[in-house]
Protein backbone atom coordinates (compact mmCIF):
# COMPACT_ATOMS: atom_id res chain seq x y z
CA MET A 1 77.92 129.75 106.46
CA CYS A 2 76.47 127.89 109.54
CA PRO A 3 74.93 129.53 112.75
CA PRO A 4 77.05 129.91 115.57
CA PHE A 5 74.62 128.07 117.97
CA LYS A 6 73.37 124.47 118.08
CA ALA A 7 70.36 124.57 120.42
CA SER A 8 69.49 122.04 123.24
CA CYS A 9 66.17 120.79 122.01
CA PRO A 10 63.74 118.61 123.75
CA GLU A 11 64.17 114.98 122.73
CA GLN A 12 60.34 114.47 122.21
CA HIS A 13 57.98 117.20 121.86
CA GLU A 14 54.67 116.52 120.13
CA VAL A 15 52.93 119.39 118.21
CA THR A 16 50.10 119.06 115.78
CA ALA A 17 51.54 120.12 112.28
CA VAL A 18 51.63 123.99 111.86
CA THR A 19 50.59 124.74 115.13
CA VAL A 20 51.85 127.13 117.94
CA ALA A 21 53.57 124.58 120.43
CA LEU A 22 53.68 126.96 123.25
CA PRO A 23 50.43 128.83 123.85
CA PRO A 24 51.89 131.72 126.22
CA VAL A 25 53.45 133.30 123.04
CA ALA A 26 51.04 134.96 120.70
CA ALA A 27 51.28 133.86 117.15
CA GLU A 28 53.00 136.41 114.76
CA HIS A 29 52.88 134.46 111.43
CA SER A 30 49.67 132.98 109.87
CA LEU A 31 49.03 129.10 109.15
CA GLU A 32 50.05 129.85 105.87
CA GLU A 33 53.13 131.47 106.44
CA ARG A 34 54.24 128.57 108.78
CA ALA A 35 53.49 126.37 105.99
CA LEU A 36 55.86 128.02 103.75
CA LEU A 37 58.78 128.29 106.26
CA LEU A 38 58.47 124.49 106.80
CA GLN A 39 58.21 123.88 102.98
CA ILE A 40 61.18 126.16 102.68
CA ALA A 41 63.34 124.10 105.12
CA HIS A 42 62.35 120.73 103.61
CA LEU A 43 63.41 122.21 100.24
CA ALA A 44 66.64 123.96 101.26
CA ILE A 45 67.72 120.27 102.63
CA GLU A 46 66.60 118.43 99.41
CA LYS A 47 68.27 120.75 96.89
CA THR A 48 71.49 120.58 99.30
CA LEU A 49 71.46 116.60 98.99
CA GLY A 50 71.21 116.97 95.09
CA GLY A 51 73.94 119.58 94.85
CA GLU A 52 71.66 122.36 93.76
CA THR A 53 72.07 125.98 95.08
CA VAL A 54 69.29 127.14 97.41
CA GLU A 55 67.75 130.22 95.92
CA THR A 56 64.56 131.55 97.57
CA ALA A 57 62.73 134.76 97.60
CA ALA A 58 60.60 136.32 100.30
CA PRO A 59 57.19 134.49 100.07
CA SER A 60 55.65 137.76 102.02
CA GLU A 61 56.76 140.78 103.31
CA ARG A 62 56.72 139.69 106.97
CA LEU A 63 58.91 136.54 105.94
CA GLY A 64 61.34 139.00 104.58
CA ASP A 65 61.67 140.71 108.19
CA LEU A 66 65.07 140.14 109.84
CA ARG A 67 64.53 137.57 112.64
CA GLY A 68 66.75 134.96 114.47
CA ALA A 69 65.26 131.31 114.52
CA PHE A 70 66.21 128.03 115.15
CA THR A 71 65.42 124.62 113.09
CA SER A 72 64.99 121.31 114.78
CA LEU A 73 64.75 118.17 112.83
CA ARG A 74 63.40 115.00 114.12
CA LEU A 75 63.39 111.29 112.62
CA ASP A 76 61.22 108.77 114.32
CA GLY A 77 60.64 110.69 117.26
CA GLU A 78 64.40 111.25 117.92
CA LEU A 79 66.13 114.71 117.62
CA ARG A 80 68.35 114.67 114.45
CA GLY A 81 69.78 118.09 114.52
CA CYS A 82 69.15 121.44 115.70
CA MET A 83 70.86 124.72 114.68
CA GLY A 84 69.90 128.60 114.66
CA TYR A 85 70.56 132.06 114.51
CA LEU A 86 70.12 134.15 117.69
CA GLU A 87 70.70 137.47 116.17
CA ALA A 88 68.50 138.95 113.66
CA ILE A 89 70.88 139.03 110.65
CA HIS A 90 68.93 137.61 107.77
CA PRO A 91 65.37 137.47 106.59
CA LEU A 92 63.66 134.91 108.26
CA TYR A 93 62.92 132.88 105.11
CA ARG A 94 66.68 132.73 104.51
CA THR A 95 67.57 132.10 108.28
CA VAL A 96 65.03 129.20 108.23
CA ALA A 97 66.72 127.85 105.02
CA GLU A 98 70.47 128.09 106.51
CA THR A 99 69.41 126.67 109.79
CA ALA A 100 67.75 123.61 107.96
CA ILE A 101 70.58 122.88 105.99
CA CYS A 102 72.97 123.41 109.09
CA ALA A 103 71.06 121.17 111.47
CA ALA A 104 70.95 118.47 108.54
CA PHE A 105 74.41 118.55 107.44
CA PHE A 106 76.51 120.35 110.15
CA ASP A 107 75.39 119.52 113.60
CA PRO A 108 78.66 118.06 115.10
CA ARG A 109 76.31 115.76 117.37
CA PHE A 110 75.14 113.86 114.24
CA LEU A 111 75.92 112.26 110.90
CA PRO A 112 74.66 114.20 108.00
CA VAL A 113 71.18 113.62 107.18
CA THR A 114 70.92 110.95 104.24
CA ALA A 115 68.62 111.24 101.33
CA GLU A 116 66.34 108.29 102.51
CA GLU A 117 66.30 110.27 105.86
CA ALA A 118 65.31 113.64 104.23
CA ARG A 119 62.20 111.98 103.30
CA ALA A 120 61.07 111.14 106.66
CA LEU A 121 62.37 114.17 108.61
CA GLN A 122 59.75 116.03 110.66
CA ILE A 123 60.87 119.83 111.11
CA GLN A 124 60.19 122.17 113.97
CA ILE A 125 60.78 126.05 113.94
CA SER A 126 61.43 128.75 116.50
CA VAL A 127 61.14 132.22 115.43
CA LEU A 128 62.83 134.30 118.13
CA THR A 129 62.32 137.57 119.49
CA SER A 130 65.30 139.67 120.47
CA PRO A 131 67.01 138.82 123.50
CA ARG A 132 67.16 140.98 126.76
CA PRO A 133 68.30 141.24 129.96
CA ILE A 134 66.17 139.44 132.26
CA LEU A 135 65.88 138.91 136.37
CA ALA A 136 65.74 135.20 137.65
CA ASP A 137 62.46 135.82 139.19
CA GLU A 138 60.94 137.21 135.84
CA VAL A 139 61.81 133.96 134.02
CA VAL A 140 58.34 132.13 132.83
CA VAL A 141 58.77 128.49 132.09
CA GLY A 142 57.52 127.81 128.79
CA ARG A 143 57.76 131.24 127.76
CA HIS A 144 61.10 132.08 127.98
CA GLY A 145 64.17 130.87 126.45
CA LEU A 146 67.38 131.70 128.06
CA ILE A 147 71.24 132.72 127.42
CA VAL A 148 73.72 132.78 129.93
CA SER A 149 77.08 134.23 129.12
CA ALA A 150 80.57 134.91 130.81
CA GLY A 151 83.35 136.07 129.01
CA ARG A 152 83.61 133.91 126.05
CA ARG A 153 81.39 131.38 127.22
CA ARG A 154 77.62 131.56 126.37
CA GLY A 155 74.78 128.84 126.51
CA LEU A 156 71.45 128.89 125.02
CA LEU A 157 68.38 126.92 125.92
CA LEU A 158 64.85 127.30 123.75
CA PRO A 159 61.72 127.69 125.73
CA GLN A 160 60.35 123.94 125.07
CA VAL A 161 63.55 122.74 126.85
CA ALA A 162 62.20 123.60 130.03
CA VAL A 163 58.56 122.35 129.58
CA GLU A 164 59.96 119.27 128.09
CA HIS A 165 61.79 118.46 131.26
CA GLY A 166 59.65 119.77 133.68
CA TRP A 167 62.15 122.17 135.07
CA GLU A 168 61.12 124.79 137.48
CA ALA A 169 62.70 128.40 136.59
CA GLU A 170 65.64 128.24 138.86
CA ILE A 171 66.73 124.89 137.32
CA PHE A 172 66.22 126.02 133.91
CA ILE A 173 68.73 128.79 134.74
CA GLU A 174 71.01 126.45 136.17
CA GLN A 175 71.04 124.20 133.26
CA THR A 176 71.49 127.08 130.72
CA CYS A 177 74.77 127.98 132.87
CA LEU A 178 76.03 124.37 132.48
CA LYS A 179 75.11 124.85 128.77
CA ALA A 180 77.62 127.70 128.61
CA GLY A 181 80.13 125.54 130.37
CA LEU A 182 79.97 127.40 133.80
CA HIS A 183 79.02 126.59 137.10
CA PRO A 184 75.34 126.20 137.48
CA GLN A 185 75.09 128.95 139.90
CA ALA A 186 77.46 131.21 137.82
CA TRP A 187 74.12 133.55 137.30
CA ARG A 188 74.30 134.73 140.79
CA TYR A 189 77.92 135.63 140.66
CA GLY A 190 78.19 137.92 137.57
CA ALA A 191 77.27 135.97 134.47
CA ALA A 192 74.58 137.68 132.37
CA LEU A 193 71.13 136.51 131.89
CA GLU A 194 69.02 137.05 129.00
CA GLY A 195 65.59 135.89 128.04
CA PHE A 196 63.66 135.78 124.69
CA CYS A 197 60.35 134.44 123.51
CA ALA A 198 59.67 131.91 120.43
CA GLU A 199 57.02 131.17 118.17
CA VAL A 200 57.16 127.42 117.82
CA PHE A 201 55.50 125.49 115.26
CA GLY A 202 56.29 122.22 113.21
CA GLU A 203 55.38 118.68 112.23
CA CYS A 204 56.85 117.10 115.21
């Protein structure tokens, strides 16, 4: 089953392979663990293309922790898919495998990735902290991702989106409201505002 969220990801976001993209967030995972997660994402896409079942075991104890995460795909510098789990409902290694498959084949904004494209994909992974209520004046651009919700409407933007677009905190909040299908000022009039942090690393 694919995750319920597609994320708004920056169209261009250059990071060195297997490095942390947003310095304010301390790295939780080693270079080896990040490399393993990227390998799992690539392998999940390749096996799905081949009609094979994706079977993975936790490569390390830490990668077996329950975590939310988003997987972003890029091809020739352009966004090719981005899907994720906000809630920590699966072990991290499984979350990465599932979100990679969904980003490649089930993001409604794109056609499914082809075998030729899969060989050239660059992958970025955002490992999330649990969201918590946050005040507008607590939002730090480049550190926090945001969730705005009201009734059945809910929108999420990853931390790197605000950095890519050069948004100030208030604009970031307003854009998250728009992502939820709400008025940009909805956060001032009862919509719930939550923040989270992300360890972001990848090949693009």
